[in-house]
N, C-alpha and C. Protein backbone atom coordinates (compact mmCIF):
# COMPACT_ATOMS: atom_id res chain seq x y z
N MET A 1 8.78 7.04 -16.81
CA MET A 1 7.42 7.43 -16.70
C MET A 1 7.47 7.81 -18.34
N SER A 2 7.12 7.44 -19.36
CA SER A 2 6.59 7.91 -20.89
C SER A 2 5.25 8.52 -20.98
N CYS A 3 4.99 9.42 -21.47
CA CYS A 3 3.30 10.04 -21.95
C CYS A 3 2.87 8.72 -22.17
N GLU A 4 3.25 7.92 -22.95
CA GLU A 4 2.61 6.80 -23.25
C GLU A 4 1.75 6.03 -22.16
N GLN A 5 2.70 5.59 -21.15
CA GLN A 5 2.15 5.28 -20.28
C GLN A 5 1.32 6.02 -19.35
N CYS A 6 1.59 7.04 -18.74
CA CYS A 6 0.97 8.11 -18.28
C CYS A 6 -0.45 8.58 -19.09
N ALA A 7 -0.99 7.90 -20.39
CA ALA A 7 -2.13 8.84 -20.67
C ALA A 7 -1.93 10.17 -20.89
N CYS A 8 -1.28 10.90 -20.87
CA CYS A 8 -1.44 12.04 -20.85
C CYS A 8 -1.80 13.00 -22.92
N GLY A 9 -1.21 11.70 -23.30
CA GLY A 9 -1.75 12.09 -25.17
C GLY A 9 -0.80 13.04 -25.70
N SER A 10 0.46 13.00 -25.35
CA SER A 10 1.59 14.37 -25.49
C SER A 10 2.73 14.12 -25.24
N GLU A 11 3.43 14.74 -25.60
CA GLU A 11 5.09 14.80 -24.95
C GLU A 11 5.67 15.82 -24.32
N CYS A 12 4.65 15.94 -23.57
CA CYS A 12 4.72 17.37 -22.45
C CYS A 12 5.49 16.95 -21.08
N CYS A 13 5.40 15.60 -20.95
CA CYS A 13 5.78 15.30 -19.56
C CYS A 13 7.06 15.79 -19.16
N GLU A 14 7.33 16.14 -18.01
CA GLU A 14 8.35 17.18 -18.06
C GLU A 14 9.70 16.06 -16.69
N SER A 15 8.36 15.46 -15.67
CA SER A 15 8.77 14.78 -14.54
C SER A 15 8.38 13.27 -15.11
N GLU A 16 8.99 11.82 -14.36
CA GLU A 16 8.98 10.88 -14.33
C GLU A 16 7.65 10.68 -13.67
N TRP A 17 7.07 11.18 -12.84
CA TRP A 17 5.64 11.02 -12.60
C TRP A 17 4.72 12.08 -12.60
N ASP A 18 3.99 12.32 -13.73
CA ASP A 18 3.18 13.74 -13.76
C ASP A 18 1.67 13.52 -13.31
N GLU A 19 1.01 14.40 -12.57
CA GLU A 19 -0.14 14.20 -12.16
C GLU A 19 -1.15 13.58 -13.25
N THR A 20 -1.16 13.72 -14.42
CA THR A 20 -1.79 12.71 -15.14
C THR A 20 -1.63 11.03 -15.38
N PHE A 21 -0.87 10.71 -14.08
CA PHE A 21 -0.45 9.29 -14.21
C PHE A 21 -1.87 8.51 -13.77
N VAL A 22 -2.26 7.68 -14.40
CA VAL A 22 -3.56 6.86 -14.12
C VAL A 22 -3.28 5.76 -13.14
N GLY A 23 -2.45 5.31 -13.03
CA GLY A 23 -2.67 3.95 -11.95
C GLY A 23 -0.94 3.47 -11.93
N PRO A 24 -1.03 2.57 -10.99
CA PRO A 24 0.14 1.70 -10.83
C PRO A 24 0.86 0.85 -11.39
N VAL A 25 1.89 0.63 -11.54
CA VAL A 25 2.38 -0.47 -12.48
C VAL A 25 2.82 -1.25 -11.84
N ILE A 26 2.90 -2.64 -11.72
CA ILE A 26 3.73 -3.58 -11.56
C ILE A 26 4.84 -3.74 -11.99
N GLY A 27 6.28 -3.54 -10.97
CA GLY A 27 7.34 -3.87 -11.90
C GLY A 27 8.36 -2.38 -11.41
N GLU A 28 7.40 -1.22 -11.56
CA GLU A 28 8.07 0.02 -11.96
C GLU A 28 8.28 0.58 -10.33
N GLU A 29 8.78 1.23 -10.44
CA GLU A 29 8.74 2.48 -8.75
C GLU A 29 8.08 3.28 -8.90
N ILE A 30 7.40 2.96 -7.75
CA ILE A 30 6.31 3.68 -6.99
C ILE A 30 7.02 5.53 -7.02
N PRO A 31 6.34 6.36 -7.33
CA PRO A 31 6.14 7.54 -6.89
C PRO A 31 6.91 8.65 -5.93
N ASP A 32 7.84 8.86 -5.69
CA ASP A 32 8.50 9.68 -3.95
C ASP A 32 6.97 10.58 -4.01
N PHE A 33 6.98 10.57 -2.55
CA PHE A 33 5.85 11.75 -2.37
C PHE A 33 6.40 12.22 -0.81
N GLU A 34 6.07 13.69 -0.64
CA GLU A 34 6.71 13.86 0.77
C GLU A 34 4.99 14.12 1.36
N GLY A 35 5.08 14.11 2.79
CA GLY A 35 3.59 14.45 3.56
C GLY A 35 3.77 14.20 4.81
N GLU A 36 2.88 14.69 5.57
CA GLU A 36 2.89 14.58 7.10
C GLU A 36 1.97 13.32 7.73
N ILE A 37 2.64 12.84 8.63
CA ILE A 37 1.85 11.74 9.50
C ILE A 37 1.39 11.93 10.55
N PHE A 38 1.06 11.19 11.25
CA PHE A 38 0.72 11.57 12.60
C PHE A 38 1.07 9.73 12.89
N HIS A 39 1.97 9.21 14.31
CA HIS A 39 2.62 9.23 14.95
C HIS A 39 2.95 8.61 16.08
N GLN A 40 2.73 8.19 17.19
CA GLN A 40 3.07 7.84 18.33
C GLN A 40 2.82 9.57 18.97
N GLU A 41 1.64 10.03 19.02
CA GLU A 41 1.27 11.46 19.29
C GLU A 41 2.44 12.81 18.82
N ALA A 42 2.68 12.26 17.56
CA ALA A 42 3.35 13.64 17.19
C ALA A 42 3.30 13.40 15.54
N PHE A 43 3.19 14.68 15.10
CA PHE A 43 3.33 14.70 13.36
C PHE A 43 4.44 14.76 13.41
N ARG A 44 4.95 14.40 12.11
CA ARG A 44 5.74 14.56 11.22
C ARG A 44 6.21 14.49 10.04
N LYS A 45 7.28 14.77 9.11
CA LYS A 45 6.85 14.87 7.50
C LYS A 45 7.86 13.96 7.57
N VAL A 46 7.24 13.21 6.46
CA VAL A 46 8.00 11.98 5.45
C VAL A 46 8.19 12.01 4.09
N ARG A 47 9.18 11.13 3.71
CA ARG A 47 8.98 11.15 2.17
C ARG A 47 8.85 9.87 1.89
N LEU A 48 8.19 9.09 0.87
CA LEU A 48 8.27 7.19 0.63
C LEU A 48 9.51 6.85 0.68
N SER A 49 10.37 7.66 0.14
CA SER A 49 12.04 7.37 -0.47
C SER A 49 12.68 6.91 1.29
N ASP A 50 11.81 8.08 2.41
CA ASP A 50 12.42 7.38 3.68
C ASP A 50 12.59 5.85 4.03
N TYR A 51 11.32 5.21 3.48
CA TYR A 51 11.19 3.62 3.17
C TYR A 51 11.88 2.46 2.69
N ARG A 52 12.86 3.55 2.13
CA ARG A 52 14.09 2.37 0.90
C ARG A 52 14.46 1.94 1.77
N GLY A 53 14.61 0.37 1.23
CA GLY A 53 15.62 -0.28 2.47
C GLY A 53 14.74 -1.32 3.17
N THR A 54 13.52 -1.55 2.86
CA THR A 54 12.19 -1.78 4.08
C THR A 54 11.45 -2.42 3.06
N TRP A 55 10.61 -3.13 2.92
CA TRP A 55 9.51 -3.23 2.35
C TRP A 55 8.12 -2.49 3.22
N LEU A 56 7.36 -1.84 2.61
CA LEU A 56 6.69 -1.11 2.52
C LEU A 56 4.90 -1.03 2.16
N ILE A 57 4.11 -1.15 2.97
CA ILE A 57 2.63 -1.22 3.06
C ILE A 57 1.96 -0.15 2.86
N LEU A 58 1.15 0.75 1.78
CA LEU A 58 0.38 1.59 1.50
C LEU A 58 -1.08 1.04 1.70
N PHE A 59 -1.14 1.71 2.57
CA PHE A 59 -3.12 1.00 3.01
C PHE A 59 -3.90 2.11 2.70
N PHE A 60 -4.65 2.65 1.46
CA PHE A 60 -5.71 3.51 1.63
C PHE A 60 -7.07 3.26 1.89
N TYR A 61 -7.51 3.94 2.62
CA TYR A 61 -9.06 4.00 2.75
C TYR A 61 -9.81 5.27 2.82
N PRO A 62 -11.08 5.60 2.97
CA PRO A 62 -11.69 6.33 2.55
C PRO A 62 -12.11 7.75 3.46
N ALA A 63 -12.43 7.63 4.57
CA ALA A 63 -11.99 8.28 5.60
C ALA A 63 -11.73 7.91 7.39
N ASP A 64 -11.45 9.08 7.82
CA ASP A 64 -11.84 8.49 9.09
C ASP A 64 -12.93 8.76 9.44
N PHE A 65 -13.35 8.29 10.47
CA PHE A 65 -14.80 8.81 11.51
C PHE A 65 -15.30 8.07 10.79
N THR A 66 -15.29 6.64 10.21
CA THR A 66 -16.38 6.19 9.40
C THR A 66 -16.85 4.51 9.57
N PHE A 67 -16.81 3.83 8.96
CA PHE A 67 -17.42 2.46 9.57
C PHE A 67 -16.93 1.04 8.99
N VAL A 68 -16.57 0.78 8.08
CA VAL A 68 -15.49 -0.22 7.85
C VAL A 68 -14.00 0.14 7.53
N CYS A 69 -13.94 1.26 7.75
CA CYS A 69 -12.19 2.03 7.78
C CYS A 69 -11.90 1.11 9.19
N PRO A 70 -12.62 1.94 10.19
CA PRO A 70 -11.69 1.39 11.77
C PRO A 70 -11.65 -0.03 12.19
N THR A 71 -12.57 -0.84 11.33
CA THR A 71 -12.32 -1.95 11.16
C THR A 71 -10.93 -3.13 10.79
N GLU A 72 -11.24 -2.34 9.86
CA GLU A 72 -9.87 -2.77 8.75
C GLU A 72 -8.76 -2.06 9.67
N LEU A 73 -8.14 -0.92 10.02
CA LEU A 73 -7.06 -0.21 10.51
C LEU A 73 -6.99 -0.91 12.04
N GLU A 74 -7.96 -1.55 12.70
CA GLU A 74 -7.64 -2.34 13.87
C GLU A 74 -7.25 -3.50 13.45
N ASP A 75 -7.64 -4.09 12.60
CA ASP A 75 -7.21 -5.15 12.29
C ASP A 75 -6.03 -5.41 11.73
N LEU A 76 -5.68 -4.29 11.35
CA LEU A 76 -3.59 -4.63 10.64
C LEU A 76 -3.06 -4.05 12.23
N ALA A 77 -3.28 -3.15 12.69
CA ALA A 77 -2.65 -3.05 14.12
C ALA A 77 -2.69 -4.49 15.14
N GLU A 78 -3.73 -5.01 14.93
CA GLU A 78 -3.30 -6.63 15.72
C GLU A 78 -2.62 -7.75 14.80
N ASN A 79 -2.14 -7.01 13.93
CA ASN A 79 -1.09 -8.11 12.92
C ASN A 79 0.02 -7.49 12.77
N TYR A 80 0.52 -5.86 13.30
CA TYR A 80 1.19 -5.10 13.49
C TYR A 80 2.54 -6.03 13.63
N ALA A 81 2.78 -6.14 14.56
CA ALA A 81 3.91 -6.76 15.22
C ALA A 81 4.36 -8.12 14.17
N LYS A 82 3.74 -8.79 13.48
CA LYS A 82 3.59 -9.30 12.72
C LYS A 82 4.47 -8.90 11.57
N PHE A 83 3.89 -7.90 10.68
CA PHE A 83 4.68 -7.52 9.90
C PHE A 83 6.35 -6.95 9.97
N ARG A 84 6.14 -6.12 11.29
CA ARG A 84 6.90 -5.83 11.23
C ARG A 84 8.24 -6.90 11.49
N GLU A 85 7.66 -7.82 12.67
CA GLU A 85 8.79 -8.89 12.35
C GLU A 85 9.60 -9.11 11.15
N LEU A 86 8.99 -9.42 9.95
CA LEU A 86 8.86 -9.57 8.57
C LEU A 86 9.71 -7.91 7.81
N GLY A 87 10.05 -7.00 9.03
CA GLY A 87 10.81 -5.71 7.97
C GLY A 87 9.95 -5.01 7.67
N ALA A 88 8.72 -5.22 7.35
CA ALA A 88 7.79 -4.23 6.54
C ALA A 88 6.85 -3.42 7.64
N GLU A 89 6.95 -1.68 7.31
CA GLU A 89 6.08 -0.62 7.52
C GLU A 89 4.63 -0.92 7.12
N ILE A 90 4.09 -0.42 7.69
CA ILE A 90 2.61 0.17 7.19
C ILE A 90 2.51 1.70 7.48
N LEU A 91 1.89 2.39 6.16
CA LEU A 91 1.30 3.65 6.37
C LEU A 91 0.22 3.37 5.70
N SER A 92 -0.74 3.96 6.82
CA SER A 92 -2.45 4.33 6.47
C SER A 92 -2.78 5.47 5.84
N VAL A 93 -3.23 5.21 4.51
CA VAL A 93 -3.14 6.70 4.00
C VAL A 93 -5.21 7.23 3.57
N SER A 94 -5.34 8.30 4.11
CA SER A 94 -6.06 8.87 3.60
C SER A 94 -6.08 10.40 3.22
N THR A 95 -7.47 10.70 2.78
CA THR A 95 -7.41 12.55 2.28
C THR A 95 -7.68 13.21 3.27
N ASP A 96 -7.49 12.67 4.48
CA ASP A 96 -8.04 13.52 6.03
C ASP A 96 -6.53 14.41 6.19
N THR A 97 -6.53 15.31 6.92
CA THR A 97 -5.54 15.89 7.54
C THR A 97 -4.78 15.36 8.95
N VAL A 98 -3.88 15.43 9.20
CA VAL A 98 -2.79 14.85 10.63
C VAL A 98 -3.81 15.49 11.79
N PHE A 99 -4.48 16.56 11.56
CA PHE A 99 -5.55 16.71 12.81
C PHE A 99 -6.14 15.54 13.08
N VAL A 100 -7.12 15.01 12.06
CA VAL A 100 -8.34 14.34 11.86
C VAL A 100 -7.66 13.10 12.20
N HIS A 101 -6.58 12.70 11.85
CA HIS A 101 -6.29 11.38 12.11
C HIS A 101 -6.22 11.44 13.56
N LYS A 102 -5.37 12.19 14.54
CA LYS A 102 -5.03 12.49 15.25
C LYS A 102 -6.30 12.71 16.55
N ALA A 103 -7.32 13.11 16.36
CA ALA A 103 -8.64 13.19 16.74
C ALA A 103 -9.39 11.99 16.74
N TRP A 104 -9.28 11.06 15.28
CA TRP A 104 -10.07 9.94 15.05
C TRP A 104 -9.14 8.59 16.39
N HIS A 105 -7.88 9.12 16.36
CA HIS A 105 -6.89 8.04 17.36
C HIS A 105 -7.28 8.49 18.96
N ASP A 106 -7.87 9.51 19.49
CA ASP A 106 -8.07 9.85 20.77
C ASP A 106 -9.10 9.37 20.87
N HIS A 107 -10.43 9.09 19.75
CA HIS A 107 -11.78 8.85 20.15
C HIS A 107 -12.76 7.84 20.10
N SER A 108 -11.67 6.97 19.34
CA SER A 108 -11.86 5.49 18.32
C SER A 108 -11.09 4.68 19.19
N GLU A 109 -11.96 3.58 19.88
CA GLU A 109 -11.39 2.31 20.64
C GLU A 109 -10.53 1.68 19.75
N ALA A 110 -10.81 1.39 18.54
CA ALA A 110 -10.46 0.76 17.09
C ALA A 110 -9.15 1.66 17.25
N ILE A 111 -9.24 2.64 16.89
CA ILE A 111 -8.17 3.26 16.35
C ILE A 111 -6.85 3.59 17.12
N ARG A 112 -7.34 3.35 18.27
CA ARG A 112 -6.22 4.22 19.76
C ARG A 112 -4.94 2.72 19.57
N LYS A 113 -5.99 1.65 19.40
CA LYS A 113 -4.68 0.44 19.02
C LYS A 113 -4.07 0.54 17.84
N VAL A 114 -3.93 1.46 16.77
CA VAL A 114 -3.00 1.62 15.67
C VAL A 114 -1.89 2.66 15.97
N ASP A 115 -0.60 1.69 15.14
CA ASP A 115 0.67 2.35 16.41
C ASP A 115 1.71 1.95 15.25
N TYR A 116 0.73 2.31 13.85
CA TYR A 116 1.55 2.10 12.75
C TYR A 116 1.66 3.70 12.14
N PRO A 117 2.46 4.42 11.34
CA PRO A 117 2.01 6.07 10.55
C PRO A 117 0.84 5.84 9.93
N MET A 118 -0.26 6.83 10.60
CA MET A 118 -1.00 7.52 9.54
C MET A 118 -0.58 8.44 8.41
N PHE A 119 -0.43 8.24 7.79
CA PHE A 119 -0.29 9.44 6.46
C PHE A 119 -0.97 10.47 6.03
N ALA A 120 -1.17 11.64 5.93
CA ALA A 120 -2.35 12.84 5.27
C ALA A 120 -2.33 12.77 4.10
N ASP A 121 -3.46 12.68 3.21
CA ASP A 121 -3.16 13.33 1.72
C ASP A 121 -4.33 14.07 1.50
N PRO A 122 -4.82 15.19 2.13
CA PRO A 122 -5.46 15.98 2.07
C PRO A 122 -5.70 16.94 0.38
N THR A 123 -4.70 16.88 -0.16
CA THR A 123 -4.63 17.02 -1.11
C THR A 123 -4.73 16.47 -2.35
N GLY A 124 -4.77 15.14 -2.08
CA GLY A 124 -5.52 13.61 -3.18
C GLY A 124 -4.13 13.47 -3.99
N MET A 125 -3.33 14.24 -3.35
CA MET A 125 -2.07 13.88 -4.76
C MET A 125 -1.81 12.62 -4.82
N LEU A 126 -0.87 11.84 -3.68
CA LEU A 126 -0.45 10.53 -3.49
C LEU A 126 -1.89 9.48 -4.16
N THR A 127 -3.30 9.69 -3.60
CA THR A 127 -4.12 8.64 -3.98
C THR A 127 -4.52 8.87 -5.39
N ARG A 128 -4.33 9.90 -6.20
CA ARG A 128 -4.45 10.05 -7.66
C ARG A 128 -3.36 9.55 -8.42
N MET A 129 -1.65 9.71 -7.84
CA MET A 129 -1.05 9.17 -8.45
C MET A 129 -1.07 7.87 -8.56
N LEU A 130 -1.78 7.42 -7.08
CA LEU A 130 -1.76 5.43 -7.36
C LEU A 130 -2.97 4.84 -7.83
N GLY A 131 -3.91 5.82 -8.50
CA GLY A 131 -4.95 5.43 -9.40
C GLY A 131 -6.04 4.92 -8.11
N VAL A 132 -6.54 5.39 -6.90
CA VAL A 132 -7.83 5.44 -6.12
C VAL A 132 -7.92 6.64 -6.01
N TYR A 133 -8.02 7.59 -6.62
CA TYR A 133 -8.96 8.56 -5.92
C TYR A 133 -10.43 8.37 -6.81
N ILE A 134 -11.31 8.91 -5.90
CA ILE A 134 -12.74 9.31 -6.28
C ILE A 134 -13.17 10.43 -6.57
N PRO A 135 -12.73 11.24 -7.50
CA PRO A 135 -13.01 12.88 -7.50
C PRO A 135 -14.35 13.24 -7.09
N ASP A 136 -15.53 12.72 -7.50
CA ASP A 136 -16.72 12.96 -7.01
C ASP A 136 -16.81 12.87 -5.44
N GLU A 137 -15.79 12.64 -4.82
CA GLU A 137 -16.25 11.92 -3.05
C GLU A 137 -14.83 12.97 -2.77
N GLY A 138 -13.80 13.04 -3.12
CA GLY A 138 -12.35 13.30 -2.70
C GLY A 138 -12.19 12.33 -1.68
N VAL A 139 -12.11 11.46 -1.90
CA VAL A 139 -11.38 9.81 -0.89
C VAL A 139 -11.03 8.76 -1.56
N ALA A 140 -10.24 8.08 -1.09
CA ALA A 140 -10.07 6.73 -2.14
C ALA A 140 -10.46 5.92 -2.06
N LEU A 141 -10.24 5.12 -3.05
CA LEU A 141 -10.95 3.52 -2.81
C LEU A 141 -10.02 2.67 -1.70
N ARG A 142 -10.43 1.53 -1.48
CA ARG A 142 -9.86 0.75 -0.70
C ARG A 142 -8.54 -0.23 -1.29
N GLY A 143 -7.41 0.68 -1.65
CA GLY A 143 -5.85 0.29 -1.83
C GLY A 143 -5.17 -0.11 -1.52
N THR A 144 -4.59 -1.51 -1.76
CA THR A 144 -3.15 -1.67 -0.83
C THR A 144 -2.32 -2.06 -2.03
N PHE A 145 -0.95 -1.34 -1.74
CA PHE A 145 0.29 -1.65 -2.39
C PHE A 145 1.26 -2.26 -1.54
N ILE A 146 1.88 -3.26 -2.24
CA ILE A 146 3.25 -3.99 -1.49
C ILE A 146 4.36 -3.45 -2.26
N VAL A 147 5.10 -2.78 -1.97
CA VAL A 147 6.16 -1.90 -2.52
C VAL A 147 7.69 -2.62 -1.68
N ASP A 148 8.67 -3.36 -2.27
CA ASP A 148 9.71 -4.13 -2.06
C ASP A 148 11.01 -2.73 -1.44
N PRO A 149 12.08 -3.04 -0.70
CA PRO A 149 13.19 -2.47 -0.58
C PRO A 149 13.57 -1.86 -1.70
N ASP A 150 13.56 -1.84 -2.35
CA ASP A 150 13.75 -1.45 -3.88
C ASP A 150 12.77 -0.17 -4.68
N GLY A 151 11.69 0.15 -3.70
CA GLY A 151 11.10 1.25 -3.91
C GLY A 151 10.20 0.90 -5.20
N ILE A 152 10.10 -0.94 -5.47
CA ILE A 152 9.12 -1.37 -6.79
C ILE A 152 7.96 -1.96 -6.24
N LEU A 153 6.94 -1.50 -6.92
CA LEU A 153 5.70 -2.21 -6.68
C LEU A 153 5.98 -3.69 -7.22
N GLN A 154 5.33 -4.60 -6.16
CA GLN A 154 5.46 -6.04 -6.34
C GLN A 154 4.02 -6.79 -5.93
N SER A 155 2.68 -5.87 -5.55
CA SER A 155 1.35 -6.35 -5.51
C SER A 155 0.60 -4.79 -5.45
N PHE A 156 -0.76 -5.35 -5.63
CA PHE A 156 -1.88 -3.98 -5.25
C PHE A 156 -3.09 -5.33 -5.41
N GLU A 157 -4.09 -4.33 -4.86
CA GLU A 157 -5.54 -4.28 -4.89
C GLU A 157 -6.22 -3.59 -4.88
N VAL A 158 -7.54 -3.27 -5.35
CA VAL A 158 -7.91 -2.20 -5.25
C VAL A 158 -9.86 -2.93 -5.03
N ASN A 159 -10.16 -2.46 -3.96
CA ASN A 159 -11.61 -2.73 -3.56
C ASN A 159 -12.39 -1.77 -3.73
N ALA A 160 -13.38 -1.89 -3.80
CA ALA A 160 -15.08 -0.96 -3.65
C ALA A 160 -15.28 -1.03 -2.18
N ASN A 161 -15.34 0.34 -1.59
CA ASN A 161 -15.41 0.81 -0.48
C ASN A 161 -16.36 0.14 0.31
N THR A 162 -17.58 -0.59 -0.27
CA THR A 162 -17.89 -1.59 0.74
C THR A 162 -17.69 -3.02 1.12
N ILE A 163 -16.39 -2.95 0.82
CA ILE A 163 -15.50 -4.32 0.97
C ILE A 163 -14.38 -4.32 1.77
N GLY A 164 -14.14 -4.56 2.74
CA GLY A 164 -13.31 -4.85 4.05
C GLY A 164 -12.20 -5.90 3.59
N ARG A 165 -11.05 -5.49 3.31
CA ARG A 165 -10.15 -5.99 3.70
C ARG A 165 -9.21 -7.16 4.66
N SER A 166 -8.37 -7.78 4.95
CA SER A 166 -7.73 -9.12 5.78
C SER A 166 -6.61 -8.90 5.65
N SER A 167 -6.23 -8.65 7.14
CA SER A 167 -4.93 -8.56 7.47
C SER A 167 -3.79 -9.55 7.06
N ASP A 168 -4.45 -10.62 7.09
CA ASP A 168 -3.98 -12.07 6.91
C ASP A 168 -3.86 -12.63 5.53
N GLU A 169 -4.53 -11.57 4.68
CA GLU A 169 -4.21 -12.20 3.32
C GLU A 169 -2.84 -11.55 2.98
N LEU A 170 -3.28 -10.16 3.91
CA LEU A 170 -2.10 -9.08 3.23
C LEU A 170 -1.01 -9.74 3.75
N LEU A 171 -0.56 -10.04 4.78
CA LEU A 171 0.56 -10.50 5.32
C LEU A 171 0.94 -11.52 4.45
N ARG A 172 0.08 -12.77 4.23
CA ARG A 172 0.31 -13.94 3.64
C ARG A 172 0.99 -13.34 2.13
N LYS A 173 0.53 -12.17 1.52
CA LYS A 173 1.00 -11.62 0.52
C LYS A 173 2.68 -11.19 0.38
N LEU A 174 2.51 -10.51 1.32
CA LEU A 174 3.98 -10.17 1.45
C LEU A 174 4.95 -11.47 2.14
N GLN A 175 4.53 -12.36 2.65
CA GLN A 175 5.51 -13.47 2.74
C GLN A 175 5.83 -13.99 1.57
N ALA A 176 4.68 -14.25 0.69
CA ALA A 176 5.21 -14.55 -0.96
C ALA A 176 6.10 -13.45 -1.47
N ALA A 177 5.99 -12.22 -1.85
CA ALA A 177 6.70 -11.28 -2.35
C ALA A 177 8.18 -11.48 -2.11
N GLN A 178 8.67 -11.66 -0.52
CA GLN A 178 9.91 -11.56 0.14
C GLN A 178 10.38 -13.23 -0.25
N PHE A 179 9.61 -14.32 -0.30
CA PHE A 179 9.87 -15.56 -0.75
C PHE A 179 10.46 -15.16 -2.12
N VAL A 180 9.46 -15.01 -2.88
CA VAL A 180 10.24 -15.18 -4.64
C VAL A 180 11.27 -14.19 -4.57
N ARG A 181 11.68 -12.95 -4.05
CA ARG A 181 12.40 -12.12 -4.05
C ARG A 181 14.08 -12.87 -3.59
N GLU A 182 13.40 -13.60 -2.56
CA GLU A 182 14.75 -14.25 -1.91
C GLU A 182 15.45 -15.64 -2.68
N HIS A 183 13.93 -15.88 -3.44
CA HIS A 183 14.39 -17.52 -3.88
C HIS A 183 14.58 -17.36 -5.82
N GLY A 184 15.54 -16.51 -6.33
CA GLY A 184 14.76 -16.37 -7.55
C GLY A 184 14.97 -17.87 -8.44
N GLY A 185 13.61 -17.60 -9.23
CA GLY A 185 13.58 -18.50 -9.98
C GLY A 185 12.43 -19.73 -9.50
N GLU A 186 11.70 -19.12 -8.20
CA GLU A 186 10.71 -19.92 -7.77
C GLU A 186 9.55 -19.31 -7.69
N VAL A 187 8.60 -20.15 -7.48
CA VAL A 187 7.17 -18.81 -7.80
C VAL A 187 6.48 -19.53 -6.53
N CYS A 188 5.60 -18.61 -5.90
CA CYS A 188 4.20 -19.16 -5.10
C CYS A 188 2.85 -19.49 -5.78
N PRO A 189 2.75 -20.65 -5.14
CA PRO A 189 1.24 -21.16 -5.92
C PRO A 189 0.01 -20.56 -5.47
N ALA A 190 -1.21 -21.02 -5.37
CA ALA A 190 -2.41 -20.26 -5.05
C ALA A 190 -2.54 -20.85 -3.77
N LYS A 191 -2.83 -19.79 -2.52
CA LYS A 191 -2.65 -20.22 -1.27
C LYS A 191 -1.63 -21.03 -0.53
N TRP A 192 -0.51 -20.43 -1.03
CA TRP A 192 1.55 -20.96 -0.80
C TRP A 192 1.21 -19.87 1.00
N LYS A 193 1.55 -20.74 1.66
CA LYS A 193 2.39 -19.83 2.97
C LYS A 193 3.18 -20.29 3.13
N PRO A 194 4.13 -19.81 3.79
CA PRO A 194 5.47 -19.99 4.41
C PRO A 194 5.41 -21.53 4.44
N GLY A 195 6.55 -22.70 4.08
CA GLY A 195 6.99 -23.81 4.30
C GLY A 195 6.15 -24.60 3.81
N ALA A 196 5.24 -23.90 2.49
CA ALA A 196 4.41 -24.99 1.56
C ALA A 196 5.33 -25.21 0.48
N LYS A 197 5.13 -25.97 -0.77
CA LYS A 197 6.03 -26.38 -1.79
C LYS A 197 5.87 -25.06 -2.08
N THR A 198 6.60 -24.75 -3.39
CA THR A 198 6.70 -23.80 -4.59
C THR A 198 7.03 -24.59 -6.01
N LEU A 199 7.14 -23.91 -6.80
CA LEU A 199 7.38 -23.98 -8.27
C LEU A 199 8.24 -23.52 -9.03
N LYS A 200 9.24 -24.17 -9.75
CA LYS A 200 10.20 -23.73 -10.40
C LYS A 200 9.74 -24.02 -11.72
N PRO A 201 9.05 -22.76 -12.35
CA PRO A 201 8.57 -22.88 -14.03
C PRO A 201 9.77 -23.53 -14.95
N GLY A 202 9.47 -24.17 -15.67
CA GLY A 202 10.34 -24.79 -16.72
C GLY A 202 9.24 -25.69 -17.62
N ILE A 203 9.90 -26.14 -18.77
CA ILE A 203 9.40 -26.69 -19.44
C ILE A 203 8.72 -28.26 -19.29
N ASP A 204 9.24 -28.81 -18.10
CA ASP A 204 9.05 -30.16 -17.32
C ASP A 204 7.82 -30.02 -16.84
N LEU A 205 7.50 -28.95 -16.25
CA LEU A 205 6.44 -28.58 -15.86
C LEU A 205 4.97 -28.32 -16.54
N VAL A 206 4.98 -28.01 -18.26
CA VAL A 206 3.97 -27.78 -18.74
C VAL A 206 3.10 -28.91 -19.12
N GLY A 207 1.84 -28.59 -18.64
CA GLY A 207 1.07 -29.48 -18.93
C GLY A 207 0.89 -30.42 -17.89
N LYS A 208 1.45 -30.72 -16.74
CA LYS A 208 1.80 -31.45 -15.71
C LYS A 208 1.20 -30.76 -14.18
N ILE A 209 0.70 -29.70 -14.21
CA ILE A 209 0.19 -29.19 -12.99
C ILE A 209 -1.50 -29.35 -13.31
């Protein structure tokens, strides 16, 4: 990652991913980062690189004990088995601590369904690295990142915190990302779902779609 890309305005960067990095780049490796998760009634330290070899979904949300957030995490929980069948892991991420994650899991009927790891980013470092931090509030925007088994970012979207997301659409995007990874030269058109027709870009298709 060059200084030009991370927008620091100088030649002072000493590491590939500097704190001044302002956002993710499709086709580039995501930063490695260590933090704590709450998962299956335990606290554990993990690194993002621990998930190499599998698809990884980083699901940022503003805060525990809020309003839209539990509806999103519950929706993900209800489809979690489908993501696992596709060889993907989900990490939900907020700037809360693992202790708050546990308390929320213990007290919320919706969050009690969550069986995927809940990542804690209380310093906001990972949230800043991926460009979804709101400095004035100390929380994340609703950012969703699909990372392939090589650690390369393949898709991301960021919503205003008033707009909830759909796990069905996220699942469809994951399926599309997996398809094009496995079928070089083919691409997925709008609303593509597994089994639907794909496209092979070439001069013969120019002006005929």
